[in-house]
Amino acid sequence: MHDFFTFLGYIAGTLTTLAFVPQVLHTYRVKSARDFSWNMLIAFNCGLILWFIYGVYLHSWPMILANSISFAFQMFIVGMKLKYSK
């Protein structure tokens, strides 16, 4: 039963992480992240870091991987926002 829930965790993490890919690609293509508010980006990234820490505490690889990759995507968007907001 534990393997089933771990599998569900991997599926959930994969789907929620892949949900960011179109936004990352769109942000890169249009060279603008103006539609992202700083408050949302800061709050969301803090949440991702906290989920990552919680995943480490639980030794939950689905949580660790999904939140690490999502954080990398979000940092790309933050970088785009910084680069193109000038």
PDB file of N, CA and C in Angstrom:
ATOM      1  N   MET A   1       0.825  -1.199   0.000  1.00  0.00           N
ATOM      2  CA  MET A   1       0.000   0.000   0.000  1.00  0.00           C
ATOM      3  C   MET A   1       0.866   1.258   0.000  1.00  0.00           C
ATOM      4  N   HIS A   2       1.997   1.204   0.715  1.00  0.00           N
ATOM      5  CA  HIS A   2       2.908   2.349   0.748  1.00  0.00           C
ATOM      6  C   HIS A   2       3.407   2.682  -0.655  1.00  0.00           C
ATOM      7  N   ASP A   3       3.713   1.650  -1.451  1.00  0.00           N
ATOM      8  CA  ASP A   3       4.184   1.870  -2.818  1.00  0.00           C
ATOM      9  C   ASP A   3       3.131   2.560  -3.675  1.00  0.00           C
ATOM     10  N   PHE A   4       1.864   2.237  -3.453  1.00  0.00           N
ATOM     11  CA  PHE A   4       0.785   2.865  -4.200  1.00  0.00           C
ATOM     12  C   PHE A   4       0.744   4.365  -3.932  1.00  0.00           C
ATOM     13  N   PHE A   5       0.845   4.761  -2.658  1.00  0.00           N
ATOM     14  CA  PHE A   5       0.787   6.177  -2.314  1.00  0.00           C
ATOM     15  C   PHE A   5       2.050   6.915  -2.745  1.00  0.00           C
ATOM     16  N   THR A   6       3.178   6.248  -2.739  1.00  0.00           N
ATOM     17  CA  THR A   6       4.398   6.850  -3.273  1.00  0.00           C
ATOM     18  C   THR A   6       4.229   7.094  -4.775  1.00  0.00           C
ATOM     19  N   PHE A   7       3.655   6.122  -5.466  1.00  0.00           N
ATOM     20  CA  PHE A   7       3.376   6.272  -6.893  1.00  0.00           C
ATOM     21  C   PHE A   7       2.440   7.452  -7.135  1.00  0.00           C
ATOM     22  N   LEU A   8       1.380   7.560  -6.324  1.00  0.00           N
ATOM     23  CA  LEU A   8       0.472   8.705  -6.436  1.00  0.00           C
ATOM     24  C   LEU A   8       1.219  10.016  -6.231  1.00  0.00           C
ATOM     25  N   GLY A   9       2.139  10.026  -5.285  1.00  0.00           N
ATOM     26  CA  GLY A   9       2.941  11.225  -5.027  1.00  0.00           C
ATOM     27  C   GLY A   9       3.772  11.613  -6.242  1.00  0.00           C
ATOM     28  N   TYR A  10       4.377  10.613  -6.890  1.00  0.00           N
ATOM     29  CA  TYR A  10       5.155  10.900  -8.097  1.00  0.00           C
ATOM     30  C   TYR A  10       4.267  11.437  -9.223  1.00  0.00           C
ATOM     31  N   ILE A  11       3.091  10.847  -9.385  1.00  0.00           N
ATOM     32  CA  ILE A  11       2.164  11.318 -10.423  1.00  0.00           C
ATOM     33  C   ILE A  11       1.724  12.754 -10.123  1.00  0.00           C
ATOM     34  N   ALA A  12       1.322  13.017  -8.890  1.00  0.00           N
ATOM     35  CA  ALA A  12       0.891  14.366  -8.509  1.00  0.00           C
ATOM     36  C   ALA A  12       2.027  15.365  -8.703  1.00  0.00           C
ATOM     37  N   GLY A  13       3.213  15.024  -8.254  1.00  0.00           N
ATOM     38  CA  GLY A  13       4.357  15.915  -8.404  1.00  0.00           C
ATOM     39  C   GLY A  13       4.698  16.173  -9.860  1.00  0.00           C
ATOM     40  N   THR A  14       4.614  15.144 -10.679  1.00  0.00           N
ATOM     41  CA  THR A  14       4.900  15.297 -12.106  1.00  0.00           C
ATOM     42  C   THR A  14       3.890  16.238 -12.762  1.00  0.00           C
ATOM     43  N   LEU A  15       2.609  16.022 -12.471  1.00  0.00           N
ATOM     44  CA  LEU A  15       1.575  16.859 -13.083  1.00  0.00           C
ATOM     45  C   LEU A  15       1.676  18.316 -12.640  1.00  0.00           C
ATOM     46  N   THR A  16       1.858  18.553 -11.344  1.00  0.00           N
ATOM     47  CA  THR A  16       1.926  19.943 -10.874  1.00  0.00           C
ATOM     48  C   THR A  16       3.204  20.627 -11.344  1.00  0.00           C
ATOM     49  N   THR A  17       4.282  19.877 -11.474  1.00  0.00           N
ATOM     50  CA  THR A  17       5.522  20.464 -11.970  1.00  0.00           C
ATOM     51  C   THR A  17       5.424  20.760 -13.458  1.00  0.00           C
ATOM     52  N   LEU A  18       4.894  19.817 -14.230  1.00  0.00           N
ATOM     53  CA  LEU A  18       4.748  20.031 -15.667  1.00  0.00           C
ATOM     54  C   LEU A  18       3.778  21.165 -15.993  1.00  0.00           C
ATOM     55  N   ALA A  19       2.887  21.477 -15.077  1.00  0.00           N
ATOM     56  CA  ALA A  19       1.952  22.579 -15.296  1.00  0.00           C
ATOM     57  C   ALA A  19       2.681  23.908 -15.479  1.00  0.00           C
ATOM     58  N   PHE A  20       3.903  24.018 -14.965  1.00  0.00           N
ATOM     59  CA  PHE A  20       4.672  25.255 -15.099  1.00  0.00           C
ATOM     60  C   PHE A  20       5.368  25.378 -16.451  1.00  0.00           C
ATOM     61  N   VAL A  21       5.571  24.282 -17.145  1.00  0.00           N
ATOM     62  CA  VAL A  21       6.351  24.306 -18.381  1.00  0.00           C
ATOM     63  C   VAL A  21       5.759  25.264 -19.424  1.00  0.00           C
ATOM     64  N   PRO A  22       4.461  25.222 -19.707  1.00  0.00           N
ATOM     65  CA  PRO A  22       3.929  26.179 -20.693  1.00  0.00           C
ATOM     66  C   PRO A  22       4.144  27.638 -20.288  1.00  0.00           C
ATOM     67  N   GLN A  23       4.033  27.920 -18.997  1.00  0.00           N
ATOM     68  CA  GLN A  23       4.224  29.296 -18.546  1.00  0.00           C
ATOM     69  C   GLN A  23       5.681  29.727 -18.691  1.00  0.00           C
ATOM     70  N   VAL A  24       6.599  28.829 -18.360  1.00  0.00           N
ATOM     71  CA  VAL A  24       8.024  29.125 -18.512  1.00  0.00           C
ATOM     72  C   VAL A  24       8.343  29.371 -19.988  1.00  0.00           C
ATOM     73  N   LEU A  25       7.854  28.503 -20.862  1.00  0.00           N
ATOM     74  CA  LEU A  25       8.103  28.668 -22.297  1.00  0.00           C
ATOM     75  C   LEU A  25       7.496  29.962 -22.828  1.00  0.00           C
ATOM     76  N   HIS A  26       6.275  30.263 -22.403  1.00  0.00           N
ATOM     77  CA  HIS A  26       5.617  31.500 -22.836  1.00  0.00           C
ATOM     78  C   HIS A  26       6.397  32.723 -22.362  1.00  0.00           C
ATOM     79  N   THR A  27       6.814  32.704 -21.097  1.00  0.00           N
ATOM     80  CA  THR A  27       7.577  33.825 -20.545  1.00  0.00           C
ATOM     81  C   THR A  27       8.878  34.018 -21.315  1.00  0.00           C
ATOM     82  N   TYR A  28       9.527  32.927 -21.670  1.00  0.00           N
ATOM     83  CA  TYR A  28      10.767  33.005 -22.443  1.00  0.00           C
ATOM     84  C   TYR A  28      10.506  33.547 -23.848  1.00  0.00           C
ATOM     85  N   ARG A  29       9.451  33.066 -24.483  1.00  0.00           N
ATOM     86  CA  ARG A  29       9.145  33.486 -25.857  1.00  0.00           C
ATOM     87  C   ARG A  29       8.796  34.962 -25.948  1.00  0.00           C
ATOM     88  N   VAL A  30       7.966  35.442 -25.024  1.00  0.00           N
ATOM     89  CA  VAL A  30       7.527  36.844 -25.113  1.00  0.00           C
ATOM     90  C   VAL A  30       8.506  37.788 -24.424  1.00  0.00           C
ATOM     91  N   LYS A  31       9.494  37.244 -23.746  1.00  0.00           N
ATOM     92  CA  LYS A  31      10.526  38.039 -23.061  1.00  0.00           C
ATOM     93  C   LYS A  31       9.917  39.037 -22.074  1.00  0.00           C
ATOM     94  N   SER A  32       8.904  38.549 -21.353  1.00  0.00           N
ATOM     95  CA  SER A  32       8.244  39.401 -20.359  1.00  0.00           C
ATOM     96  C   SER A  32       7.640  38.548 -19.257  1.00  0.00           C
ATOM     97  N   ALA A  33       7.809  39.011 -18.045  1.00  0.00           N
ATOM     98  CA  ALA A  33       7.163  38.376 -16.892  1.00  0.00           C
ATOM     99  C   ALA A  33       6.368  39.433 -16.128  1.00  0.00           C
ATOM    100  N   ARG A  34       5.952  40.459 -16.846  1.00  0.00           N
ATOM    101  CA  ARG A  34       5.239  41.582 -16.238  1.00  0.00           C
ATOM    102  C   ARG A  34       3.948  41.152 -15.548  1.00  0.00           C
ATOM    103  N   ASP A  35       3.309  40.103 -16.044  1.00  0.00           N
ATOM    104  CA  ASP A  35       2.033  39.666 -15.474  1.00  0.00           C
ATOM    105  C   ASP A  35       2.185  38.985 -14.119  1.00  0.00           C
ATOM    106  N   PHE A  36       3.400  38.637 -13.747  1.00  0.00           N
ATOM    107  CA  PHE A  36       3.640  38.014 -12.444  1.00  0.00           C
ATOM    108  C   PHE A  36       3.872  39.101 -11.399  1.00  0.00           C
ATOM    109  N   SER A  37       3.113  39.053 -10.320  1.00  0.00           N
ATOM    110  CA  SER A  37       3.360  40.024  -9.253  1.00  0.00           C
ATOM    111  C   SER A  37       4.487  39.510  -8.353  1.00  0.00           C
ATOM    112  N   TRP A  38       5.255  40.449  -7.819  1.00  0.00           N
ATOM    113  CA  TRP A  38       6.331  40.068  -6.900  1.00  0.00           C
ATOM    114  C   TRP A  38       5.772  39.382  -5.667  1.00  0.00           C
ATOM    115  N   ASN A  39       4.629  39.843  -5.167  1.00  0.00           N
ATOM    116  CA  ASN A  39       4.036  39.215  -3.979  1.00  0.00           C
ATOM    117  C   ASN A  39       3.726  37.746  -4.224  1.00  0.00           C
ATOM    118  N   MET A  40       3.174  37.435  -5.394  1.00  0.00           N
ATOM    119  CA  MET A  40       2.864  36.044  -5.721  1.00  0.00           C
ATOM    120  C   MET A  40       4.137  35.219  -5.846  1.00  0.00           C
ATOM    121  N   LEU A  41       5.127  35.744  -6.557  1.00  0.00           N
ATOM    122  CA  LEU A  41       6.366  35.005  -6.751  1.00  0.00           C
ATOM    123  C   LEU A  41       7.072  34.726  -5.420  1.00  0.00           C
ATOM    124  N   ILE A  42       7.130  35.718  -4.563  1.00  0.00           N
ATOM    125  CA  ILE A  42       7.789  35.540  -3.262  1.00  0.00           C
ATOM    126  C   ILE A  42       7.032  34.527  -2.413  1.00  0.00           C
ATOM    127  N   ALA A  43       5.713  34.683  -2.327  1.00  0.00           N
ATOM    128  CA  ALA A  43       4.913  33.766  -1.506  1.00  0.00           C
ATOM    129  C   ALA A  43       4.990  32.340  -2.053  1.00  0.00           C
ATOM    130  N   PHE A  44       4.879  32.201  -3.359  1.00  0.00           N
ATOM    131  CA  PHE A  44       4.894  30.871  -3.957  1.00  0.00           C
ATOM    132  C   PHE A  44       6.246  30.193  -3.766  1.00  0.00           C
ATOM    133  N   ASN A  45       7.332  30.930  -3.984  1.00  0.00           N
ATOM    134  CA  ASN A  45       8.661  30.354  -3.822  1.00  0.00           C
ATOM    135  C   ASN A  45       8.952  30.006  -2.366  1.00  0.00           C
ATOM    136  N   CYS A  46       8.492  30.824  -1.436  1.00  0.00           N
ATOM    137  CA  CYS A  46       8.633  30.466  -0.018  1.00  0.00           C
ATOM    138  C   CYS A  46       7.875  29.181   0.280  1.00  0.00           C
ATOM    139  N   GLY A  47       6.678  29.048  -0.282  1.00  0.00           N
ATOM    140  CA  GLY A  47       5.907  27.821  -0.107  1.00  0.00           C
ATOM    141  C   GLY A  47       6.617  26.615  -0.679  1.00  0.00           C
ATOM    142  N   LEU A  48       7.214  26.763  -1.855  1.00  0.00           N
ATOM    143  CA  LEU A  48       7.958  25.658  -2.456  1.00  0.00           C
ATOM    144  C   LEU A  48       9.138  25.240  -1.586  1.00  0.00           C
ATOM    145  N   ILE A  49       9.839  26.214  -1.036  1.00  0.00           N
ATOM    146  CA  ILE A  49      10.976  25.909  -0.157  1.00  0.00           C
ATOM    147  C   ILE A  49      10.499  25.167   1.090  1.00  0.00           C
ATOM    148  N   LEU A  50       9.387  25.623   1.658  1.00  0.00           N
ATOM    149  CA  LEU A  50       8.860  24.958   2.859  1.00  0.00           C
ATOM    150  C   LEU A  50       8.387  23.538   2.547  1.00  0.00           C
ATOM    151  N   TRP A  51       7.728  23.333   1.405  1.00  0.00           N
ATOM    152  CA  TRP A  51       7.326  21.980   1.007  1.00  0.00           C
ATOM    153  C   TRP A  51       8.548  21.104   0.796  1.00  0.00           C
ATOM    154  N   PHE A  52       9.615  21.674   0.215  1.00  0.00           N
ATOM    155  CA  PHE A  52      10.850  20.926   0.014  1.00  0.00           C
ATOM    156  C   PHE A  52      11.435  20.484   1.358  1.00  0.00           C
ATOM    157  N   ILE A  53      11.503  21.409   2.304  1.00  0.00           N
ATOM    158  CA  ILE A  53      12.032  21.089   3.638  1.00  0.00           C
ATOM    159  C   ILE A  53      11.185  20.007   4.299  1.00  0.00           C
ATOM    160  N   TYR A  54       9.881  20.138   4.182  1.00  0.00           N
ATOM    161  CA  TYR A  54       8.975  19.138   4.748  1.00  0.00           C
ATOM    162  C   TYR A  54       9.193  17.778   4.080  1.00  0.00           C
ATOM    163  N   GLY A  55       9.399  17.775   2.767  1.00  0.00           N
ATOM    164  CA  GLY A  55       9.674  16.534   2.051  1.00  0.00           C
ATOM    165  C   GLY A  55      10.971  15.889   2.507  1.00  0.00           C
ATOM    166  N   VAL A  56      11.991  16.718   2.765  1.00  0.00           N
ATOM    167  CA  VAL A  56      13.257  16.192   3.282  1.00  0.00           C
ATOM    168  C   VAL A  56      13.028  15.572   4.661  1.00  0.00           C
ATOM    169  N   TYR A  57      12.277  16.265   5.494  1.00  0.00           N
ATOM    170  CA  TYR A  57      11.974  15.757   6.832  1.00  0.00           C
ATOM    171  C   TYR A  57      11.277  14.395   6.761  1.00  0.00           C
ATOM    172  N   LEU A  58      10.345  14.261   5.828  1.00  0.00           N
ATOM    173  CA  LEU A  58       9.593  13.011   5.669  1.00  0.00           C
ATOM    174  C   LEU A  58      10.339  11.972   4.837  1.00  0.00           C
ATOM    175  N   HIS A  59      11.465  12.356   4.259  1.00  0.00           N
ATOM    176  CA  HIS A  59      12.194  11.490   3.325  1.00  0.00           C
ATOM    177  C   HIS A  59      11.300  11.102   2.152  1.00  0.00           C
ATOM    178  N   SER A  60      10.536  12.083   1.665  1.00  0.00           N
ATOM    179  CA  SER A  60       9.574  11.851   0.579  1.00  0.00           C
ATOM    180  C   SER A  60      10.164  12.347  -0.742  1.00  0.00           C
ATOM    181  N   TRP A  61      10.686  11.413  -1.526  1.00  0.00           N
ATOM    182  CA  TRP A  61      11.286  11.784  -2.800  1.00  0.00           C
ATOM    183  C   TRP A  61      10.309  12.458  -3.757  1.00  0.00           C
ATOM    184  N   PRO A  62       9.036  12.059  -3.811  1.00  0.00           N
ATOM    185  CA  PRO A  62       8.117  12.786  -4.693  1.00  0.00           C
ATOM    186  C   PRO A  62       8.027  14.277  -4.333  1.00  0.00           C
ATOM    187  N   MET A  63       7.954  14.581  -3.048  1.00  0.00           N
ATOM    188  CA  MET A  63       7.880  15.982  -2.620  1.00  0.00           C
ATOM    189  C   MET A  63       9.185  16.715  -2.882  1.00  0.00           C
ATOM    190  N   ILE A  64      10.290  16.053  -2.613  1.00  0.00           N
ATOM    191  CA  ILE A  64      11.599  16.677  -2.800  1.00  0.00           C
ATOM    192  C   ILE A  64      11.816  17.011  -4.277  1.00  0.00           C
ATOM    193  N   LEU A  65      11.587  16.045  -5.143  1.00  0.00           N
ATOM    194  CA  LEU A  65      11.824  16.254  -6.572  1.00  0.00           C
ATOM    195  C   LEU A  65      10.878  17.289  -7.174  1.00  0.00           C
ATOM    196  N   ALA A  66       9.595  17.141  -6.898  1.00  0.00           N
ATOM    197  CA  ALA A  66       8.609  18.053  -7.488  1.00  0.00           C
ATOM    198  C   ALA A  66       8.860  19.490  -7.064  1.00  0.00           C
ATOM    199  N   ASN A  67       9.128  19.703  -5.798  1.00  0.00           N
ATOM    200  CA  ASN A  67       9.325  21.068  -5.322  1.00  0.00           C
ATOM    201  C   ASN A  67      10.673  21.639  -5.748  1.00  0.00           C
ATOM    202  N   SER A  68      11.676  20.801  -5.897  1.00  0.00           N
ATOM    203  CA  SER A  68      12.968  21.276  -6.402  1.00  0.00           C
ATOM    204  C   SER A  68      12.855  21.754  -7.845  1.00  0.00           C
ATOM    205  N   ILE A  69      12.200  20.940  -8.672  1.00  0.00           N
ATOM    206  CA  ILE A  69      12.059  21.299 -10.085  1.00  0.00           C
ATOM    207  C   ILE A  69      11.138  22.503 -10.246  1.00  0.00           C
ATOM    208  N   SER A  70      10.043  22.525  -9.488  1.00  0.00           N
ATOM    209  CA  SER A  70       9.133  23.678  -9.557  1.00  0.00           C
ATOM    210  C   SER A  70       9.843  24.951  -9.125  1.00  0.00           C
ATOM    211  N   PHE A  71      10.681  24.857  -8.093  1.00  0.00           N
ATOM    212  CA  PHE A  71      11.438  26.021  -7.633  1.00  0.00           C
ATOM    213  C   PHE A  71      12.394  26.496  -8.731  1.00  0.00           C
ATOM    214  N   ALA A  72      13.037  25.569  -9.422  1.00  0.00           N
ATOM    215  CA  ALA A  72      13.935  25.951 -10.523  1.00  0.00           C
ATOM    216  C   ALA A  72      13.156  26.679 -11.620  1.00  0.00           C
ATOM    217  N   PHE A  73      11.965  26.181 -11.970  1.00  0.00           N
ATOM    218  CA  PHE A  73      11.132  26.866 -12.957  1.00  0.00           C
ATOM    219  C   PHE A  73      10.764  28.268 -12.478  1.00  0.00           C
ATOM    220  N   GLN A  74      10.379  28.368 -11.230  1.00  0.00           N
ATOM    221  CA  GLN A  74       9.997  29.666 -10.687  1.00  0.00           C
ATOM    222  C   GLN A  74      11.178  30.639 -10.648  1.00  0.00           C
ATOM    223  N   MET A  75      12.360  30.131 -10.347  1.00  0.00           N
ATOM    224  CA  MET A  75      13.531  31.005 -10.327  1.00  0.00           C
ATOM    225  C   MET A  75      13.860  31.478 -11.742  1.00  0.00           C
ATOM    226  N   PHE A  76      13.590  30.660 -12.747  1.00  0.00           N
ATOM    227  CA  PHE A  76      13.754  31.096 -14.124  1.00  0.00           C
ATOM    228  C   PHE A  76      12.817  32.270 -14.410  1.00  0.00           C
ATOM    229  N   ILE A  77      11.568  32.153 -13.964  1.00  0.00           N
ATOM    230  CA  ILE A  77      10.599  33.235 -14.169  1.00  0.00           C
ATOM    231  C   ILE A  77      11.033  34.481 -13.401  1.00  0.00           C
ATOM    232  N   VAL A  78      11.528  34.324 -12.181  1.00  0.00           N
ATOM    233  CA  VAL A  78      12.041  35.469 -11.413  1.00  0.00           C
ATOM    234  C   VAL A  78      13.195  36.122 -12.184  1.00  0.00           C
ATOM    235  N   GLY A  79      14.101  35.297 -12.716  1.00  0.00           N
ATOM    236  CA  GLY A  79      15.203  35.839 -13.508  1.00  0.00           C
ATOM    237  C   GLY A  79      14.723  36.601 -14.722  1.00  0.00           C
ATOM    238  N   MET A  80      13.711  36.068 -15.398  1.00  0.00           N
ATOM    239  CA  MET A  80      13.143  36.754 -16.554  1.00  0.00           C
ATOM    240  C   MET A  80      12.497  38.071 -16.127  1.00  0.00           C
ATOM    241  N   LYS A  81      11.822  38.055 -14.995  1.00  0.00           N
ATOM    242  CA  LYS A  81      11.179  39.274 -14.504  1.00  0.00           C
ATOM    243  C   LYS A  81      12.233  40.337 -14.212  1.00  0.00           C
ATOM    244  N   LEU A  82      13.320  39.941 -13.586  1.00  0.00           N
ATOM    245  CA  LEU A  82      14.404  40.894 -13.290  1.00  0.00           C
ATOM    246  C   LEU A  82      15.057  41.398 -14.585  1.00  0.00           C
ATOM    247  N   LYS A  83      15.321  40.494 -15.498  1.00  0.00           N
ATOM    248  CA  LYS A  83      16.016  40.852 -16.732  1.00  0.00           C
ATOM    249  C   LYS A  83      15.194  41.784 -17.620  1.00  0.00           C
ATOM    250  N   TYR A  84      13.905  41.501 -17.763  1.00  0.00           N
ATOM    251  CA  TYR A  84      13.094  42.246 -18.717  1.00  0.00           C
ATOM    252  C   TYR A  84      12.245  43.341 -18.098  1.00  0.00           C
ATOM    253  N   SER A  85      12.401  43.591 -16.810  1.00  0.00           N
ATOM    254  CA  SER A  85      11.617  44.657 -16.193  1.00  0.00           C
ATOM    255  C   SER A  85      12.314  46.009 -16.330  1.00  0.00           C
ATOM    256  N   LYS A  86      13.485  46.018 -16.896  1.00  0.00           N
ATOM    257  CA  LYS A  86      14.242  47.271 -17.030  1.00  0.00           C
ATOM    258  C   LYS A  86      13.890  48.009 -18.288  1.00  0.00           C
TER     259      LYS A  86
END
